């Protein structure tokens, strides 16, 4: 069973860009846009990119694997209908097949610990569908 609802999985499959927040060595947050895919096999989020190993986000994760990824958009503007998902968890650094042509063979894999979603399974003006992730 997935940590994501069916609607959340469909949404993740439909999106290409998110914002990854990591922690710099001095504790300051850093957020950057990233390309990602929902990995159904492992029920994780996989992030790839160009020169990923040389990036600040990669070095930040080497020092502290705690991350947060936000994927959101507007389903419509009239009426205003925001929707999205925040995935908090730990990141694992891997060598793997590139996610997209031209990307490095490096990969950031997020293992969810907490999921907050709005406008997917609930009305966008209701509190997010928030839950901690438990495995096994």
N, C-alpha and C. Protein backbone atom coordinates (compact mmCIF):
# COMPACT_ATOMS: atom_id res chain seq x y z
N UNK A 1 0.84 -1.18 0.00
CA UNK A 1 0.00 0.00 0.00
C UNK A 1 0.89 1.24 0.00
N UNK A 2 0.55 2.22 -0.80
CA UNK A 2 1.34 3.44 -0.95
C UNK A 2 1.12 4.41 0.21
N UNK A 3 2.11 5.24 0.48
CA UNK A 3 1.95 6.31 1.46
C UNK A 3 1.12 7.46 0.87
N UNK A 4 0.91 7.43 -0.45
CA UNK A 4 0.15 8.46 -1.15
C UNK A 4 -1.22 7.93 -1.54
N UNK A 5 -2.24 8.79 -1.48
CA UNK A 5 -3.57 8.40 -1.93
C UNK A 5 -3.55 8.27 -3.45
N UNK A 6 -4.60 7.68 -4.00
CA UNK A 6 -4.70 7.54 -5.46
C UNK A 6 -4.66 8.91 -6.14
N UNK A 7 -5.38 9.89 -5.60
CA UNK A 7 -5.37 11.24 -6.19
C UNK A 7 -3.99 11.88 -6.10
N UNK A 8 -3.29 11.66 -4.99
CA UNK A 8 -1.94 12.21 -4.84
C UNK A 8 -0.99 11.56 -5.85
N UNK A 9 -1.11 10.26 -6.05
CA UNK A 9 -0.26 9.58 -7.03
C UNK A 9 -0.50 10.12 -8.44
N UNK A 10 -1.77 10.30 -8.79
CA UNK A 10 -2.11 10.84 -10.11
C UNK A 10 -1.54 12.24 -10.27
N UNK A 11 -1.65 13.05 -9.23
CA UNK A 11 -1.12 14.41 -9.27
C UNK A 11 0.40 14.39 -9.43
N UNK A 12 1.10 13.58 -8.63
CA UNK A 12 2.55 13.49 -8.74
C UNK A 12 2.97 13.06 -10.14
N UNK A 13 2.26 12.12 -10.74
CA UNK A 13 2.57 11.67 -12.09
C UNK A 13 2.36 12.77 -13.13
N UNK A 14 1.49 13.73 -12.84
CA UNK A 14 1.16 14.78 -13.82
C UNK A 14 2.09 15.98 -13.74
N UNK A 15 2.92 16.05 -12.72
CA UNK A 15 3.78 17.22 -12.51
C UNK A 15 5.24 16.91 -12.84
N UNK A 16 5.98 17.94 -13.22
CA UNK A 16 7.38 17.76 -13.60
C UNK A 16 8.35 18.54 -12.73
N UNK A 17 7.86 19.57 -12.03
CA UNK A 17 8.74 20.48 -11.31
C UNK A 17 8.27 20.71 -9.89
N UNK A 18 9.20 20.67 -8.96
CA UNK A 18 8.91 20.96 -7.56
C UNK A 18 9.99 21.85 -6.99
N UNK A 19 9.87 22.18 -5.72
CA UNK A 19 10.87 22.98 -5.02
C UNK A 19 11.37 22.19 -3.82
N UNK A 20 12.68 21.93 -3.83
CA UNK A 20 13.31 21.13 -2.79
C UNK A 20 13.97 22.06 -1.77
N UNK A 21 13.62 21.88 -0.50
CA UNK A 21 14.26 22.63 0.58
C UNK A 21 15.22 21.70 1.30
N UNK A 22 16.45 22.19 1.47
CA UNK A 22 17.49 21.49 2.21
C UNK A 22 18.03 22.44 3.28
N UNK A 23 18.90 21.91 4.14
CA UNK A 23 19.50 22.72 5.19
C UNK A 23 20.99 22.88 4.92
N UNK A 24 21.44 24.13 4.85
CA UNK A 24 22.87 24.42 4.67
C UNK A 24 23.61 24.08 5.96
N UNK A 25 24.93 23.94 5.89
CA UNK A 25 25.69 23.60 7.10
C UNK A 25 25.47 24.56 8.27
N UNK A 26 25.16 25.83 7.99
CA UNK A 26 24.92 26.78 9.09
C UNK A 26 23.47 26.74 9.56
N UNK A 27 22.66 25.81 9.02
CA UNK A 27 21.27 25.66 9.43
C UNK A 27 20.28 26.48 8.63
N UNK A 28 20.77 27.32 7.72
CA UNK A 28 19.89 28.14 6.90
C UNK A 28 19.17 27.27 5.87
N UNK A 29 17.88 27.52 5.65
CA UNK A 29 17.17 26.76 4.62
C UNK A 29 17.54 27.24 3.22
N UNK A 30 17.51 26.32 2.28
CA UNK A 30 17.74 26.64 0.88
C UNK A 30 16.69 25.92 0.06
N UNK A 31 16.01 26.64 -0.82
CA UNK A 31 14.99 26.02 -1.70
C UNK A 31 15.39 26.24 -3.15
N UNK A 32 15.27 25.18 -3.94
CA UNK A 32 15.62 25.23 -5.35
C UNK A 32 14.59 24.45 -6.17
N UNK A 33 14.33 24.90 -7.40
CA UNK A 33 13.47 24.11 -8.28
C UNK A 33 14.19 22.85 -8.72
N UNK A 34 13.44 21.76 -8.79
CA UNK A 34 14.02 20.47 -9.19
C UNK A 34 13.04 19.69 -10.06
N UNK A 35 13.60 18.87 -10.94
CA UNK A 35 12.82 17.91 -11.71
C UNK A 35 12.70 16.63 -10.88
N UNK A 36 11.54 16.01 -10.92
CA UNK A 36 11.33 14.82 -10.09
C UNK A 36 10.42 13.84 -10.81
N UNK A 37 10.40 12.62 -10.30
CA UNK A 37 9.42 11.61 -10.70
C UNK A 37 8.97 10.87 -9.45
N UNK A 38 7.72 10.45 -9.46
CA UNK A 38 7.21 9.57 -8.40
C UNK A 38 7.63 8.16 -8.76
N UNK A 39 8.39 7.51 -7.89
CA UNK A 39 8.88 6.16 -8.11
C UNK A 39 7.92 5.19 -7.42
N UNK A 40 7.03 4.59 -8.20
CA UNK A 40 6.02 3.68 -7.65
C UNK A 40 6.63 2.42 -7.06
N UNK A 41 7.74 1.98 -7.63
CA UNK A 41 8.37 0.75 -7.14
C UNK A 41 8.79 0.88 -5.68
N UNK A 42 9.38 2.02 -5.32
CA UNK A 42 9.88 2.23 -3.97
C UNK A 42 8.99 3.17 -3.15
N UNK A 43 7.97 3.74 -3.78
CA UNK A 43 7.06 4.69 -3.12
C UNK A 43 7.86 5.89 -2.59
N UNK A 44 8.75 6.38 -3.45
CA UNK A 44 9.62 7.50 -3.12
C UNK A 44 9.50 8.57 -4.20
N UNK A 45 10.15 9.68 -3.96
CA UNK A 45 10.27 10.73 -4.97
C UNK A 45 11.74 10.76 -5.37
N UNK A 46 12.01 10.67 -6.67
CA UNK A 46 13.37 10.68 -7.19
C UNK A 46 13.62 12.00 -7.90
N UNK A 47 14.74 12.63 -7.59
CA UNK A 47 15.11 13.94 -8.13
C UNK A 47 16.40 13.79 -8.91
N UNK A 48 16.42 14.35 -10.10
CA UNK A 48 17.61 14.34 -10.92
C UNK A 48 17.95 15.74 -11.38
N UNK A 49 19.04 15.85 -12.16
CA UNK A 49 19.39 17.16 -12.68
C UNK A 49 20.73 17.17 -13.37
N UNK A 50 21.13 18.36 -13.81
CA UNK A 50 22.43 18.58 -14.44
C UNK A 50 23.44 18.94 -13.36
N UNK A 51 24.62 18.35 -13.40
CA UNK A 51 25.68 18.64 -12.41
C UNK A 51 25.17 18.51 -10.98
N UNK A 52 24.34 17.51 -10.74
CA UNK A 52 23.69 17.35 -9.43
C UNK A 52 24.72 17.18 -8.30
N UNK A 53 25.76 16.39 -8.53
CA UNK A 53 26.75 16.12 -7.49
C UNK A 53 27.49 17.40 -7.08
N UNK A 54 27.62 18.34 -7.99
CA UNK A 54 28.33 19.59 -7.70
C UNK A 54 27.41 20.65 -7.09
N UNK A 55 26.14 20.35 -6.93
CA UNK A 55 25.18 21.35 -6.47
C UNK A 55 25.21 21.53 -4.95
N UNK A 56 24.78 22.70 -4.51
CA UNK A 56 24.67 22.99 -3.07
C UNK A 56 23.67 22.04 -2.42
N UNK A 57 22.53 21.77 -3.09
CA UNK A 57 21.53 20.89 -2.49
C UNK A 57 22.11 19.50 -2.22
N UNK A 58 22.92 19.00 -3.14
CA UNK A 58 23.54 17.70 -2.97
C UNK A 58 24.48 17.72 -1.76
N UNK A 59 25.31 18.74 -1.67
CA UNK A 59 26.24 18.87 -0.53
C UNK A 59 25.48 19.07 0.78
N UNK A 60 24.37 19.83 0.72
CA UNK A 60 23.56 20.01 1.93
C UNK A 60 23.04 18.67 2.43
N UNK A 61 22.57 17.84 1.51
CA UNK A 61 22.02 16.53 1.89
C UNK A 61 23.11 15.61 2.43
N UNK A 62 24.33 15.73 1.91
CA UNK A 62 25.43 14.94 2.46
C UNK A 62 25.63 15.25 3.95
N UNK A 63 25.42 16.51 4.32
CA UNK A 63 25.62 16.93 5.71
C UNK A 63 24.39 16.68 6.57
N UNK A 64 23.20 16.82 5.98
CA UNK A 64 21.94 16.67 6.73
C UNK A 64 20.87 16.19 5.76
N UNK A 65 20.41 14.95 5.89
CA UNK A 65 19.49 14.38 4.90
C UNK A 65 18.03 14.83 5.03
N UNK A 66 17.70 15.68 5.99
CA UNK A 66 16.31 16.13 6.14
C UNK A 66 15.96 17.11 5.03
N UNK A 67 14.83 16.84 4.35
CA UNK A 67 14.39 17.66 3.22
C UNK A 67 12.88 17.85 3.24
N UNK A 68 12.45 18.80 2.45
CA UNK A 68 11.02 19.02 2.20
C UNK A 68 10.87 19.36 0.72
N UNK A 69 9.92 18.72 0.06
CA UNK A 69 9.66 18.98 -1.35
C UNK A 69 8.22 19.45 -1.49
N UNK A 70 8.02 20.58 -2.16
CA UNK A 70 6.68 21.09 -2.42
C UNK A 70 6.43 21.05 -3.92
N UNK A 71 5.29 20.46 -4.28
CA UNK A 71 4.81 20.43 -5.66
C UNK A 71 3.43 21.04 -5.61
N UNK A 72 3.20 22.11 -6.36
CA UNK A 72 1.88 22.75 -6.33
C UNK A 72 1.61 23.46 -7.64
N UNK A 73 0.34 23.76 -7.86
CA UNK A 73 -0.07 24.53 -9.01
C UNK A 73 -1.47 25.07 -8.75
N UNK A 74 -2.04 25.69 -9.76
CA UNK A 74 -3.41 26.16 -9.69
C UNK A 74 -4.25 25.33 -10.64
N UNK A 75 -5.24 24.61 -10.11
CA UNK A 75 -6.15 23.85 -10.97
C UNK A 75 -6.97 24.81 -11.82
N UNK A 76 -7.27 25.99 -11.26
CA UNK A 76 -7.95 27.05 -12.01
C UNK A 76 -7.71 28.37 -11.29
N UNK A 77 -7.91 29.47 -12.00
CA UNK A 77 -7.80 30.79 -11.37
C UNK A 77 -9.16 31.41 -11.13
N UNK A 78 -10.19 30.93 -11.82
CA UNK A 78 -11.56 31.39 -11.60
C UNK A 78 -12.46 30.17 -11.56
N UNK A 79 -12.81 29.69 -10.39
CA UNK A 79 -12.44 30.21 -9.08
C UNK A 79 -10.99 29.84 -8.75
N UNK A 80 -10.43 30.57 -7.78
CA UNK A 80 -9.07 30.31 -7.33
C UNK A 80 -9.04 28.93 -6.70
N UNK A 81 -8.23 28.03 -7.27
CA UNK A 81 -8.24 26.64 -6.83
C UNK A 81 -6.80 26.10 -6.74
N UNK A 82 -6.09 26.44 -5.65
CA UNK A 82 -4.74 25.90 -5.48
C UNK A 82 -4.79 24.43 -5.08
N UNK A 83 -3.75 23.71 -5.45
CA UNK A 83 -3.64 22.31 -5.05
C UNK A 83 -2.15 21.96 -4.98
N UNK A 84 -1.83 20.99 -4.17
CA UNK A 84 -0.43 20.61 -4.08
C UNK A 84 -0.17 19.60 -2.98
N UNK A 85 1.10 19.32 -2.83
CA UNK A 85 1.53 18.33 -1.85
C UNK A 85 2.91 18.72 -1.34
N UNK A 86 3.10 18.57 -0.04
CA UNK A 86 4.42 18.75 0.57
C UNK A 86 4.84 17.39 1.11
N UNK A 87 6.06 17.02 0.81
CA UNK A 87 6.59 15.74 1.26
C UNK A 87 7.84 16.03 2.09
N UNK A 88 7.76 15.72 3.38
CA UNK A 88 8.92 15.88 4.26
C UNK A 88 9.51 14.50 4.51
N UNK A 89 10.81 14.44 4.56
CA UNK A 89 11.43 13.15 4.80
C UNK A 89 12.93 13.23 4.79
N UNK A 90 13.54 12.08 4.55
CA UNK A 90 14.99 12.00 4.47
C UNK A 90 15.40 11.67 3.04
N UNK A 91 16.52 12.24 2.65
CA UNK A 91 17.02 12.03 1.29
C UNK A 91 18.18 11.06 1.30
N UNK A 92 18.21 10.25 0.28
CA UNK A 92 19.29 9.29 0.06
C UNK A 92 19.96 9.67 -1.26
N UNK A 93 21.30 9.68 -1.28
CA UNK A 93 22.04 10.00 -2.49
C UNK A 93 22.46 8.71 -3.17
N UNK A 94 22.11 8.58 -4.46
CA UNK A 94 22.34 7.33 -5.18
C UNK A 94 22.98 7.59 -6.54
N UNK A 95 23.63 6.57 -7.05
CA UNK A 95 24.04 6.54 -8.46
C UNK A 95 23.00 5.67 -9.16
N UNK A 96 22.38 6.20 -10.21
CA UNK A 96 21.30 5.48 -10.89
C UNK A 96 21.19 5.97 -12.32
N UNK A 97 20.34 5.32 -13.07
CA UNK A 97 20.07 5.77 -14.44
C UNK A 97 19.52 7.19 -14.41
N UNK A 98 19.95 8.05 -15.33
CA UNK A 98 19.42 9.42 -15.36
C UNK A 98 17.90 9.44 -15.51
N UNK A 99 17.24 10.37 -14.80
CA UNK A 99 15.78 10.48 -14.88
C UNK A 99 15.31 10.94 -16.25
N UNK A 100 16.09 11.83 -16.87
CA UNK A 100 15.73 12.40 -18.16
C UNK A 100 17.00 12.51 -19.01
N UNK A 101 16.85 12.56 -20.34
CA UNK A 101 18.03 12.74 -21.19
C UNK A 101 18.80 14.00 -20.79
N UNK A 102 20.12 13.87 -20.71
CA UNK A 102 20.97 14.99 -20.35
C UNK A 102 21.21 15.15 -18.87
N UNK A 103 20.47 14.41 -18.04
CA UNK A 103 20.68 14.48 -16.59
C UNK A 103 21.85 13.59 -16.20
N UNK A 104 22.41 13.87 -15.03
CA UNK A 104 23.49 13.06 -14.46
C UNK A 104 22.96 11.70 -14.03
N UNK A 105 23.90 10.80 -13.78
CA UNK A 105 23.55 9.48 -13.23
C UNK A 105 23.45 9.53 -11.72
N UNK A 106 23.46 10.73 -11.14
CA UNK A 106 23.25 10.89 -9.69
C UNK A 106 21.77 11.10 -9.44
N UNK A 107 21.33 10.71 -8.27
CA UNK A 107 19.91 10.78 -7.94
C UNK A 107 19.75 11.11 -6.46
N UNK A 108 18.74 11.93 -6.17
CA UNK A 108 18.33 12.17 -4.79
C UNK A 108 17.00 11.45 -4.62
N UNK A 109 16.93 10.54 -3.68
CA UNK A 109 15.69 9.78 -3.44
C UNK A 109 15.12 10.20 -2.08
N UNK A 110 13.89 10.70 -2.09
CA UNK A 110 13.24 11.13 -0.86
C UNK A 110 12.35 10.01 -0.32
N UNK A 111 12.60 9.63 0.92
CA UNK A 111 11.78 8.67 1.63
C UNK A 111 10.82 9.47 2.51
N UNK A 112 9.52 9.49 2.18
CA UNK A 112 8.57 10.32 2.92
C UNK A 112 8.45 9.93 4.39
N UNK A 113 8.36 10.95 5.25
CA UNK A 113 8.07 10.76 6.67
C UNK A 113 6.77 11.46 7.04
N UNK A 114 6.42 12.52 6.31
CA UNK A 114 5.18 13.26 6.53
C UNK A 114 4.70 13.78 5.19
N UNK A 115 3.39 13.68 4.97
CA UNK A 115 2.76 14.14 3.73
C UNK A 115 1.64 15.11 4.08
N UNK A 116 1.63 16.26 3.42
CA UNK A 116 0.56 17.25 3.57
C UNK A 116 0.06 17.57 2.17
N UNK A 117 -1.24 17.40 1.92
CA UNK A 117 -1.79 17.64 0.59
C UNK A 117 -3.03 18.51 0.70
N UNK A 118 -3.23 19.39 -0.27
CA UNK A 118 -4.41 20.27 -0.29
C UNK A 118 -4.94 20.32 -1.71
N UNK A 119 -6.28 20.36 -1.80
CA UNK A 119 -6.93 20.47 -3.09
C UNK A 119 -6.90 19.21 -3.94
N UNK A 120 -6.44 18.11 -3.39
CA UNK A 120 -6.39 16.85 -4.14
C UNK A 120 -7.47 15.88 -3.65
N UNK A 121 -7.50 15.65 -2.35
CA UNK A 121 -8.54 14.81 -1.74
C UNK A 121 -9.50 15.64 -0.91
N UNK A 122 -9.18 16.93 -0.76
CA UNK A 122 -10.00 17.84 0.04
C UNK A 122 -10.23 19.13 -0.74
N UNK A 123 -11.17 19.91 -0.28
CA UNK A 123 -11.38 21.24 -0.82
C UNK A 123 -10.11 22.05 -0.54
N UNK A 124 -9.67 22.91 -1.49
CA UNK A 124 -8.43 23.64 -1.27
C UNK A 124 -8.46 24.59 -0.08
N UNK A 125 -9.66 24.92 0.43
CA UNK A 125 -9.76 25.84 1.56
C UNK A 125 -9.92 25.11 2.89
N UNK A 126 -9.97 23.79 2.85
CA UNK A 126 -9.98 23.00 4.07
C UNK A 126 -8.53 22.79 4.52
N UNK A 127 -8.33 22.45 5.78
CA UNK A 127 -6.96 22.15 6.22
C UNK A 127 -6.37 21.02 5.37
N UNK A 128 -5.06 20.99 5.20
CA UNK A 128 -4.43 19.93 4.40
C UNK A 128 -4.70 18.55 4.98
N UNK A 129 -4.70 17.58 4.10
CA UNK A 129 -4.73 16.18 4.49
C UNK A 129 -3.32 15.85 4.94
N UNK A 130 -3.05 15.92 6.24
CA UNK A 130 -1.71 15.77 6.79
C UNK A 130 -1.60 14.47 7.57
N UNK A 131 -0.48 13.77 7.36
CA UNK A 131 -0.30 12.51 8.07
C UNK A 131 1.18 12.14 8.11
N UNK A 132 1.54 11.43 9.16
CA UNK A 132 2.87 10.86 9.27
C UNK A 132 2.88 9.53 8.53
N UNK A 133 4.02 9.17 8.00
CA UNK A 133 4.17 7.95 7.25
C UNK A 133 4.71 6.87 8.16
N UNK A 134 4.10 5.72 8.13
CA UNK A 134 4.61 4.57 8.87
C UNK A 134 4.86 3.44 7.88
N UNK A 135 5.94 2.74 8.07
CA UNK A 135 6.30 1.62 7.19
C UNK A 135 6.20 0.32 7.96
N UNK A 136 5.77 -0.71 7.22
CA UNK A 136 5.76 -2.07 7.70
C UNK A 136 5.00 -2.29 8.91
